[in-house]
Amino acid sequence: METVFRADEIQIFRYKFTPECMQQIFEFSKIHQYDDRETFKEAWTDWLEENADAVSAETERLVNAGYLGDVSNKMFKSARYYFRKKPNVKIVPKERTSYIKIDGAMAANIEEHVRMHVREKPSAAYLNFCESYSIGEDDPKIKKAYKNKHCIEKGK
């Protein structure tokens, strides 16, 4: 039998729990984070009995949305394999530093020097470049640009 979807129906590929349900599962998994497998399963069985009303409401909601699997098994897997390993604190990404462009003259100098010294090791060629153009060796932007250009030229 072929399944036919109407244009106004949206096919769901990931059935998510409600935020309240997710919070309850997260709290359970953090309490039992370091339990061994058997202890975790026993605690999970007790938790399902204690929260039977919430579990049945969530099961009914997901089944009505079209979920065909075992909801309690889906909850267990979320608790055991996802929430248990999730950190308590939200990690804030580091702010990206602004890009500092190397001026055209410096880029041309790097390119010319690399062509002449492509057979040397990149570190030796860079030291020679710094001496030739009186540049400090500790400038990370120029060093990276030089070594990248050297690598590209060597690969040709």
N, C-alpha and C. Protein backbone atom coordinates (compact mmCIF):
# COMPACT_ATOMS: atom_id res chain seq x y z
N MET A 1 0.85 -1.18 0.00
CA MET A 1 0.00 0.00 0.00
C MET A 1 0.89 1.24 0.00
N GLU A 2 0.57 2.17 -0.82
CA GLU A 2 1.37 3.38 -0.98
C GLU A 2 0.85 4.46 -0.05
N THR A 3 1.79 5.17 0.61
CA THR A 3 1.42 6.26 1.50
C THR A 3 1.31 7.53 0.68
N VAL A 4 0.21 8.23 0.83
CA VAL A 4 0.00 9.47 0.10
C VAL A 4 -0.09 10.60 1.12
N PHE A 5 0.71 11.65 0.88
CA PHE A 5 0.69 12.80 1.78
C PHE A 5 -0.03 13.94 1.09
N ARG A 6 -0.88 14.58 1.83
CA ARG A 6 -1.55 15.76 1.29
C ARG A 6 -0.59 16.93 1.36
N ALA A 7 -0.81 17.90 0.54
CA ALA A 7 0.07 19.08 0.47
C ALA A 7 0.04 19.88 1.76
N ASP A 8 -1.07 19.85 2.47
CA ASP A 8 -1.16 20.64 3.70
C ASP A 8 -0.59 19.92 4.91
N GLU A 9 -0.22 18.63 4.77
CA GLU A 9 0.39 17.89 5.87
C GLU A 9 1.90 18.06 5.82
N ILE A 10 2.49 18.27 6.96
CA ILE A 10 3.94 18.39 7.04
C ILE A 10 4.48 17.09 7.61
N GLN A 11 5.40 16.49 6.87
CA GLN A 11 5.98 15.23 7.32
C GLN A 11 7.03 15.53 8.39
N ILE A 12 6.94 14.84 9.52
CA ILE A 12 7.86 15.06 10.64
C ILE A 12 8.90 13.95 10.63
N PHE A 13 10.18 14.34 10.71
CA PHE A 13 11.27 13.37 10.73
C PHE A 13 11.88 13.24 12.11
N ARG A 14 11.75 14.25 12.95
CA ARG A 14 12.30 14.19 14.30
C ARG A 14 11.21 14.61 15.28
N TYR A 15 10.81 13.67 16.10
CA TYR A 15 9.79 13.94 17.09
C TYR A 15 10.46 14.37 18.39
N LYS A 16 10.19 15.59 18.80
CA LYS A 16 10.84 16.15 19.97
C LYS A 16 9.91 16.11 21.17
N PHE A 17 10.53 16.02 22.35
CA PHE A 17 9.78 16.08 23.58
C PHE A 17 9.44 17.53 23.89
N THR A 18 8.43 17.71 24.76
CA THR A 18 8.11 19.07 25.21
C THR A 18 9.25 19.54 26.12
N PRO A 19 9.44 20.85 26.25
CA PRO A 19 10.50 21.36 27.13
C PRO A 19 10.37 20.87 28.56
N GLU A 20 9.14 20.73 29.07
CA GLU A 20 8.95 20.25 30.44
C GLU A 20 9.42 18.81 30.57
N CYS A 21 9.07 17.98 29.60
CA CYS A 21 9.49 16.58 29.61
C CYS A 21 11.00 16.48 29.51
N MET A 22 11.58 17.27 28.61
CA MET A 22 13.03 17.25 28.45
C MET A 22 13.73 17.66 29.75
N GLN A 23 13.17 18.62 30.45
CA GLN A 23 13.76 19.07 31.72
C GLN A 23 13.72 17.95 32.76
N GLN A 24 12.60 17.24 32.83
CA GLN A 24 12.49 16.13 33.78
C GLN A 24 13.49 15.02 33.45
N ILE A 25 13.62 14.68 32.18
CA ILE A 25 14.57 13.65 31.77
C ILE A 25 16.00 14.10 32.04
N PHE A 26 16.28 15.38 31.77
CA PHE A 26 17.62 15.93 32.01
C PHE A 26 17.98 15.85 33.50
N GLU A 27 17.04 16.23 34.36
CA GLU A 27 17.29 16.18 35.81
C GLU A 27 17.54 14.74 36.26
N PHE A 28 16.75 13.80 35.77
CA PHE A 28 16.96 12.39 36.11
C PHE A 28 18.35 11.94 35.67
N SER A 29 18.71 12.27 34.43
CA SER A 29 19.98 11.79 33.90
C SER A 29 21.17 12.41 34.63
N LYS A 30 21.03 13.62 35.11
CA LYS A 30 22.13 14.24 35.87
C LYS A 30 22.27 13.61 37.26
N ILE A 31 21.15 13.24 37.87
CA ILE A 31 21.20 12.57 39.17
C ILE A 31 21.88 11.22 39.05
N HIS A 32 21.60 10.51 37.95
CA HIS A 32 22.13 9.16 37.75
C HIS A 32 23.25 9.12 36.71
N GLN A 33 23.93 10.22 36.57
CA GLN A 33 24.96 10.36 35.54
C GLN A 33 26.08 9.32 35.66
N TYR A 34 26.48 9.02 36.87
CA TYR A 34 27.62 8.13 37.07
C TYR A 34 27.22 6.71 37.49
N ASP A 35 25.94 6.39 37.38
CA ASP A 35 25.49 5.03 37.72
C ASP A 35 25.92 4.05 36.63
N ASP A 36 26.15 2.80 37.06
CA ASP A 36 26.43 1.77 36.05
C ASP A 36 25.12 1.43 35.33
N ARG A 37 25.20 0.64 34.29
CA ARG A 37 24.06 0.36 33.42
C ARG A 37 22.87 -0.24 34.17
N GLU A 38 23.14 -1.23 35.01
CA GLU A 38 22.05 -1.90 35.73
C GLU A 38 21.37 -0.97 36.73
N THR A 39 22.15 -0.22 37.46
CA THR A 39 21.59 0.74 38.44
C THR A 39 20.77 1.80 37.71
N PHE A 40 21.28 2.27 36.58
CA PHE A 40 20.58 3.28 35.79
C PHE A 40 19.23 2.74 35.33
N LYS A 41 19.21 1.49 34.84
CA LYS A 41 17.96 0.89 34.37
C LYS A 41 16.94 0.74 35.49
N GLU A 42 17.42 0.32 36.67
CA GLU A 42 16.52 0.18 37.81
C GLU A 42 15.94 1.53 38.21
N ALA A 43 16.79 2.54 38.27
CA ALA A 43 16.32 3.89 38.61
C ALA A 43 15.36 4.41 37.54
N TRP A 44 15.60 4.06 36.29
CA TRP A 44 14.72 4.48 35.21
C TRP A 44 13.33 3.87 35.36
N THR A 45 13.29 2.59 35.72
CA THR A 45 12.00 1.92 35.93
C THR A 45 11.23 2.60 37.05
N ASP A 46 11.92 2.92 38.14
CA ASP A 46 11.27 3.63 39.26
C ASP A 46 10.79 5.00 38.81
N TRP A 47 11.61 5.70 38.01
CA TRP A 47 11.26 7.04 37.55
C TRP A 47 10.02 6.99 36.66
N LEU A 48 9.93 5.97 35.80
CA LEU A 48 8.75 5.84 34.94
C LEU A 48 7.48 5.65 35.77
N GLU A 49 7.58 4.87 36.85
CA GLU A 49 6.41 4.65 37.71
C GLU A 49 6.03 5.92 38.45
N GLU A 50 7.03 6.66 38.95
CA GLU A 50 6.77 7.90 39.69
C GLU A 50 6.17 8.99 38.79
N ASN A 51 6.58 9.01 37.53
CA ASN A 51 6.14 10.05 36.60
C ASN A 51 5.22 9.48 35.52
N ALA A 52 4.40 8.52 35.91
CA ALA A 52 3.53 7.83 34.95
C ALA A 52 2.58 8.79 34.24
N ASP A 53 2.05 9.77 34.96
CA ASP A 53 1.11 10.71 34.34
C ASP A 53 1.80 11.54 33.25
N ALA A 54 2.97 12.06 33.56
CA ALA A 54 3.71 12.88 32.59
C ALA A 54 4.15 12.05 31.39
N VAL A 55 4.57 10.81 31.65
CA VAL A 55 5.02 9.93 30.58
C VAL A 55 3.84 9.57 29.67
N SER A 56 2.70 9.27 30.26
CA SER A 56 1.53 8.91 29.43
C SER A 56 1.05 10.11 28.62
N ALA A 57 1.11 11.31 29.20
CA ALA A 57 0.71 12.51 28.46
C ALA A 57 1.66 12.75 27.28
N GLU A 58 2.95 12.57 27.51
CA GLU A 58 3.94 12.76 26.44
C GLU A 58 3.79 11.68 25.38
N THR A 59 3.50 10.46 25.80
CA THR A 59 3.29 9.36 24.86
C THR A 59 2.09 9.65 23.97
N GLU A 60 1.02 10.10 24.59
CA GLU A 60 -0.20 10.41 23.83
C GLU A 60 0.06 11.54 22.84
N ARG A 61 0.79 12.55 23.25
CA ARG A 61 1.09 13.68 22.38
C ARG A 61 1.91 13.24 21.17
N LEU A 62 2.95 12.42 21.40
CA LEU A 62 3.80 11.97 20.30
C LEU A 62 3.07 11.01 19.36
N VAL A 63 2.26 10.13 19.92
CA VAL A 63 1.49 9.20 19.08
C VAL A 63 0.50 9.97 18.21
N ASN A 64 -0.14 10.99 18.79
CA ASN A 64 -1.07 11.82 18.01
C ASN A 64 -0.34 12.61 16.92
N ALA A 65 0.92 12.91 17.15
CA ALA A 65 1.71 13.62 16.14
C ALA A 65 2.21 12.69 15.04
N GLY A 66 2.07 11.35 15.27
CA GLY A 66 2.45 10.41 14.24
C GLY A 66 3.65 9.55 14.56
N TYR A 67 4.17 9.62 15.79
CA TYR A 67 5.32 8.81 16.17
C TYR A 67 4.89 7.36 16.29
N LEU A 68 5.64 6.46 15.67
CA LEU A 68 5.26 5.05 15.65
C LEU A 68 6.07 4.18 16.60
N GLY A 69 7.15 4.71 17.17
CA GLY A 69 8.02 3.92 18.02
C GLY A 69 7.57 3.87 19.47
N ASP A 70 8.41 3.27 20.30
CA ASP A 70 8.15 3.15 21.73
C ASP A 70 8.65 4.43 22.41
N VAL A 71 7.74 5.22 22.96
CA VAL A 71 8.08 6.52 23.53
C VAL A 71 8.95 6.36 24.77
N SER A 72 8.64 5.39 25.63
CA SER A 72 9.45 5.22 26.84
C SER A 72 10.88 4.80 26.48
N ASN A 73 11.05 4.02 25.43
CA ASN A 73 12.37 3.64 24.97
C ASN A 73 13.11 4.87 24.41
N LYS A 74 12.39 5.72 23.70
CA LYS A 74 12.97 6.97 23.18
C LYS A 74 13.42 7.85 24.35
N MET A 75 12.62 7.91 25.40
CA MET A 75 12.99 8.70 26.59
C MET A 75 14.23 8.11 27.26
N PHE A 76 14.26 6.79 27.39
CA PHE A 76 15.40 6.12 28.02
C PHE A 76 16.68 6.41 27.25
N LYS A 77 16.63 6.28 25.95
CA LYS A 77 17.83 6.54 25.14
C LYS A 77 18.27 7.98 25.25
N SER A 78 17.33 8.89 25.31
CA SER A 78 17.68 10.31 25.49
C SER A 78 18.37 10.52 26.83
N ALA A 79 17.82 9.91 27.88
CA ALA A 79 18.40 10.07 29.22
C ALA A 79 19.76 9.42 29.31
N ARG A 80 19.88 8.22 28.81
CA ARG A 80 21.11 7.44 28.97
C ARG A 80 22.24 7.91 28.06
N TYR A 81 21.94 8.23 26.82
CA TYR A 81 22.99 8.48 25.85
C TYR A 81 23.15 9.94 25.44
N TYR A 82 22.19 10.80 25.75
CA TYR A 82 22.30 12.20 25.35
C TYR A 82 22.40 13.12 26.57
N PHE A 83 21.35 13.15 27.38
CA PHE A 83 21.32 14.10 28.50
C PHE A 83 22.37 13.79 29.55
N ARG A 84 22.70 12.54 29.75
CA ARG A 84 23.67 12.16 30.77
C ARG A 84 25.04 12.76 30.47
N LYS A 85 25.38 12.89 29.19
CA LYS A 85 26.69 13.39 28.80
C LYS A 85 26.68 14.88 28.48
N LYS A 86 25.51 15.48 28.46
CA LYS A 86 25.39 16.90 28.14
C LYS A 86 25.87 17.74 29.33
N PRO A 87 26.70 18.76 29.10
CA PRO A 87 27.18 19.57 30.23
C PRO A 87 26.06 20.40 30.85
N ASN A 88 26.22 20.68 32.13
CA ASN A 88 25.21 21.49 32.84
C ASN A 88 25.22 22.94 32.38
N VAL A 89 26.39 23.45 32.10
CA VAL A 89 26.55 24.85 31.75
C VAL A 89 26.61 25.00 30.24
N LYS A 90 25.88 25.97 29.73
CA LYS A 90 25.91 26.22 28.30
C LYS A 90 27.24 26.88 27.95
N ILE A 91 27.92 26.32 26.97
CA ILE A 91 29.24 26.82 26.59
C ILE A 91 29.05 28.01 25.65
N VAL A 92 29.65 29.13 26.04
CA VAL A 92 29.56 30.34 25.24
C VAL A 92 30.71 30.34 24.24
N PRO A 93 30.41 30.46 22.95
CA PRO A 93 31.50 30.46 21.97
C PRO A 93 32.36 31.71 22.11
N LYS A 94 33.64 31.54 21.82
CA LYS A 94 34.54 32.68 21.89
C LYS A 94 34.24 33.63 20.75
N GLU A 95 34.41 34.90 21.03
CA GLU A 95 34.20 35.91 20.01
C GLU A 95 35.36 35.85 19.02
N ARG A 96 35.04 35.85 17.76
CA ARG A 96 36.07 35.76 16.73
C ARG A 96 36.85 37.07 16.67
N THR A 97 38.15 36.93 16.46
CA THR A 97 38.98 38.11 16.31
C THR A 97 38.82 38.64 14.89
N SER A 98 39.00 39.94 14.75
CA SER A 98 38.85 40.53 13.42
C SER A 98 40.05 40.16 12.56
N TYR A 99 39.81 40.02 11.30
CA TYR A 99 40.85 39.63 10.36
C TYR A 99 41.69 40.85 10.00
N ILE A 100 43.02 40.69 10.08
CA ILE A 100 43.93 41.76 9.72
C ILE A 100 44.57 41.36 8.40
N LYS A 101 44.29 42.15 7.37
CA LYS A 101 44.78 41.83 6.04
C LYS A 101 46.22 42.32 5.88
N ILE A 102 47.02 41.52 5.20
CA ILE A 102 48.40 41.92 4.89
C ILE A 102 48.33 42.81 3.66
N ASP A 103 49.05 43.94 3.69
CA ASP A 103 48.97 44.86 2.56
C ASP A 103 49.56 44.24 1.30
N GLY A 104 49.21 44.81 0.16
CA GLY A 104 49.58 44.26 -1.13
C GLY A 104 51.08 44.17 -1.36
N ALA A 105 51.83 45.19 -0.89
CA ALA A 105 53.28 45.19 -1.09
C ALA A 105 53.92 44.02 -0.33
N MET A 106 53.48 43.79 0.89
CA MET A 106 54.02 42.70 1.69
C MET A 106 53.67 41.36 1.04
N ALA A 107 52.44 41.22 0.55
CA ALA A 107 52.03 39.99 -0.10
C ALA A 107 52.87 39.73 -1.35
N ALA A 108 53.16 40.79 -2.10
CA ALA A 108 53.99 40.65 -3.30
C ALA A 108 55.41 40.24 -2.92
N ASN A 109 55.95 40.83 -1.85
CA ASN A 109 57.29 40.47 -1.37
C ASN A 109 57.35 39.00 -0.95
N ILE A 110 56.31 38.57 -0.25
CA ILE A 110 56.25 37.17 0.20
C ILE A 110 56.23 36.25 -1.01
N GLU A 111 55.38 36.58 -1.98
CA GLU A 111 55.24 35.73 -3.17
C GLU A 111 56.55 35.64 -3.94
N GLU A 112 57.23 36.77 -4.12
CA GLU A 112 58.49 36.78 -4.85
C GLU A 112 59.56 35.97 -4.11
N HIS A 113 59.65 36.17 -2.80
CA HIS A 113 60.65 35.47 -2.01
C HIS A 113 60.40 33.97 -1.99
N VAL A 114 59.14 33.58 -1.90
CA VAL A 114 58.80 32.15 -1.87
C VAL A 114 59.21 31.48 -3.18
N ARG A 115 58.96 32.15 -4.30
CA ARG A 115 59.34 31.58 -5.60
C ARG A 115 60.84 31.31 -5.68
N MET A 116 61.64 32.20 -5.08
CA MET A 116 63.09 32.04 -5.13
C MET A 116 63.58 30.98 -4.14
N HIS A 117 62.85 30.75 -3.07
CA HIS A 117 63.30 29.85 -2.00
C HIS A 117 62.36 28.67 -1.79
N VAL A 118 61.67 28.24 -2.82
CA VAL A 118 60.69 27.17 -2.70
C VAL A 118 61.34 25.83 -2.37
N ARG A 119 62.60 25.63 -2.71
CA ARG A 119 63.27 24.36 -2.44
C ARG A 119 63.76 24.25 -0.99
N GLU A 120 63.78 25.33 -0.25
CA GLU A 120 64.22 25.31 1.14
C GLU A 120 63.07 24.87 2.05
N LYS A 121 63.43 24.52 3.28
CA LYS A 121 62.40 24.23 4.28
C LYS A 121 61.66 25.53 4.57
N PRO A 122 60.37 25.47 4.84
CA PRO A 122 59.60 26.69 5.09
C PRO A 122 60.15 27.53 6.24
N SER A 123 60.60 26.89 7.31
CA SER A 123 61.10 27.66 8.45
C SER A 123 62.39 28.39 8.10
N ALA A 124 63.28 27.73 7.37
CA ALA A 124 64.54 28.37 6.97
C ALA A 124 64.27 29.50 5.98
N ALA A 125 63.36 29.26 5.05
CA ALA A 125 63.03 30.29 4.07
C ALA A 125 62.40 31.49 4.76
N TYR A 126 61.55 31.26 5.76
CA TYR A 126 60.92 32.37 6.49
C TYR A 126 61.96 33.19 7.24
N LEU A 127 62.92 32.52 7.89
CA LEU A 127 63.99 33.25 8.59
C LEU A 127 64.79 34.11 7.61
N ASN A 128 65.06 33.57 6.45
CA ASN A 128 65.77 34.32 5.41
C ASN A 128 64.94 35.52 4.97
N PHE A 129 63.63 35.34 4.83
CA PHE A 129 62.72 36.43 4.46
C PHE A 129 62.75 37.54 5.50
N CYS A 130 62.70 37.16 6.78
CA CYS A 130 62.71 38.15 7.86
C CYS A 130 64.02 38.96 7.85
N GLU A 131 65.13 38.28 7.61
CA GLU A 131 66.42 38.97 7.55
C GLU A 131 66.47 39.89 6.34
N SER A 132 66.01 39.43 5.19
CA SER A 132 66.06 40.20 3.96
C SER A 132 65.22 41.46 4.03
N TYR A 133 64.06 41.39 4.65
CA TYR A 133 63.13 42.53 4.69
C TYR A 133 63.08 43.20 6.06
N SER A 134 63.98 42.86 6.95
CA SER A 134 64.06 43.46 8.30
C SER A 134 62.71 43.42 9.02
N ILE A 135 62.18 42.23 9.09
CA ILE A 135 60.90 42.01 9.77
C ILE A 135 61.15 41.16 11.00
N GLY A 136 60.44 41.44 12.07
CA GLY A 136 60.56 40.62 13.28
C GLY A 136 60.00 39.23 13.03
N GLU A 137 60.68 38.22 13.56
CA GLU A 137 60.28 36.83 13.34
C GLU A 137 59.00 36.46 14.09
N ASP A 138 58.63 37.26 15.07
CA ASP A 138 57.51 36.90 15.94
C ASP A 138 56.16 37.43 15.47
N ASP A 139 56.07 37.96 14.25
CA ASP A 139 54.79 38.45 13.73
C ASP A 139 53.99 37.26 13.20
N PRO A 140 52.95 36.82 13.92
CA PRO A 140 52.24 35.59 13.54
C PRO A 140 51.50 35.72 12.20
N LYS A 141 50.99 36.91 11.86
CA LYS A 141 50.25 37.08 10.62
C LYS A 141 51.16 36.87 9.42
N ILE A 142 52.32 37.52 9.44
CA ILE A 142 53.25 37.41 8.32
C ILE A 142 53.80 35.99 8.23
N LYS A 143 54.11 35.41 9.38
CA LYS A 143 54.65 34.05 9.41
C LYS A 143 53.65 33.06 8.79
N LYS A 144 52.40 33.18 9.16
CA LYS A 144 51.38 32.27 8.63
C LYS A 144 51.19 32.50 7.14
N ALA A 145 51.13 33.76 6.72
CA ALA A 145 50.96 34.06 5.30
C ALA A 145 52.13 33.50 4.49
N TYR A 146 53.34 33.66 5.02
CA TYR A 146 54.53 33.18 4.31
C TYR A 146 54.51 31.66 4.19
N LYS A 147 54.25 30.99 5.30
CA LYS A 147 54.28 29.52 5.27
C LYS A 147 53.15 28.95 4.43
N ASN A 148 51.98 29.59 4.43
CA ASN A 148 50.88 29.15 3.57
C ASN A 148 51.27 29.29 2.10
N LYS A 149 51.84 30.43 1.76
CA LYS A 149 52.26 30.66 0.37
C LYS A 149 53.34 29.66 -0.03
N HIS A 150 54.26 29.38 0.88
CA HIS A 150 55.33 28.42 0.62
C HIS A 150 54.75 27.03 0.35
N CYS A 151 53.79 26.65 1.13
CA CYS A 151 53.14 25.33 0.98
C CYS A 151 52.42 25.25 -0.37
N ILE A 152 51.74 26.32 -0.75
CA ILE A 152 51.02 26.34 -2.02
C ILE A 152 51.99 26.23 -3.19
N GLU A 153 53.08 27.00 -3.13
CA GLU A 153 54.08 26.98 -4.20
C GLU A 153 54.76 25.61 -4.32
N LYS A 154 55.03 25.01 -3.18
CA LYS A 154 55.71 23.71 -3.18
C LYS A 154 54.81 22.63 -3.78
N GLY A 155 53.51 22.79 -3.61
CA GLY A 155 52.55 21.82 -4.13
C GLY A 155 52.33 21.91 -5.63
N LYS A 156 52.74 23.00 -6.25
CA LYS A 156 52.52 23.18 -7.69
C LYS A 156 53.39 22.28 -8.51
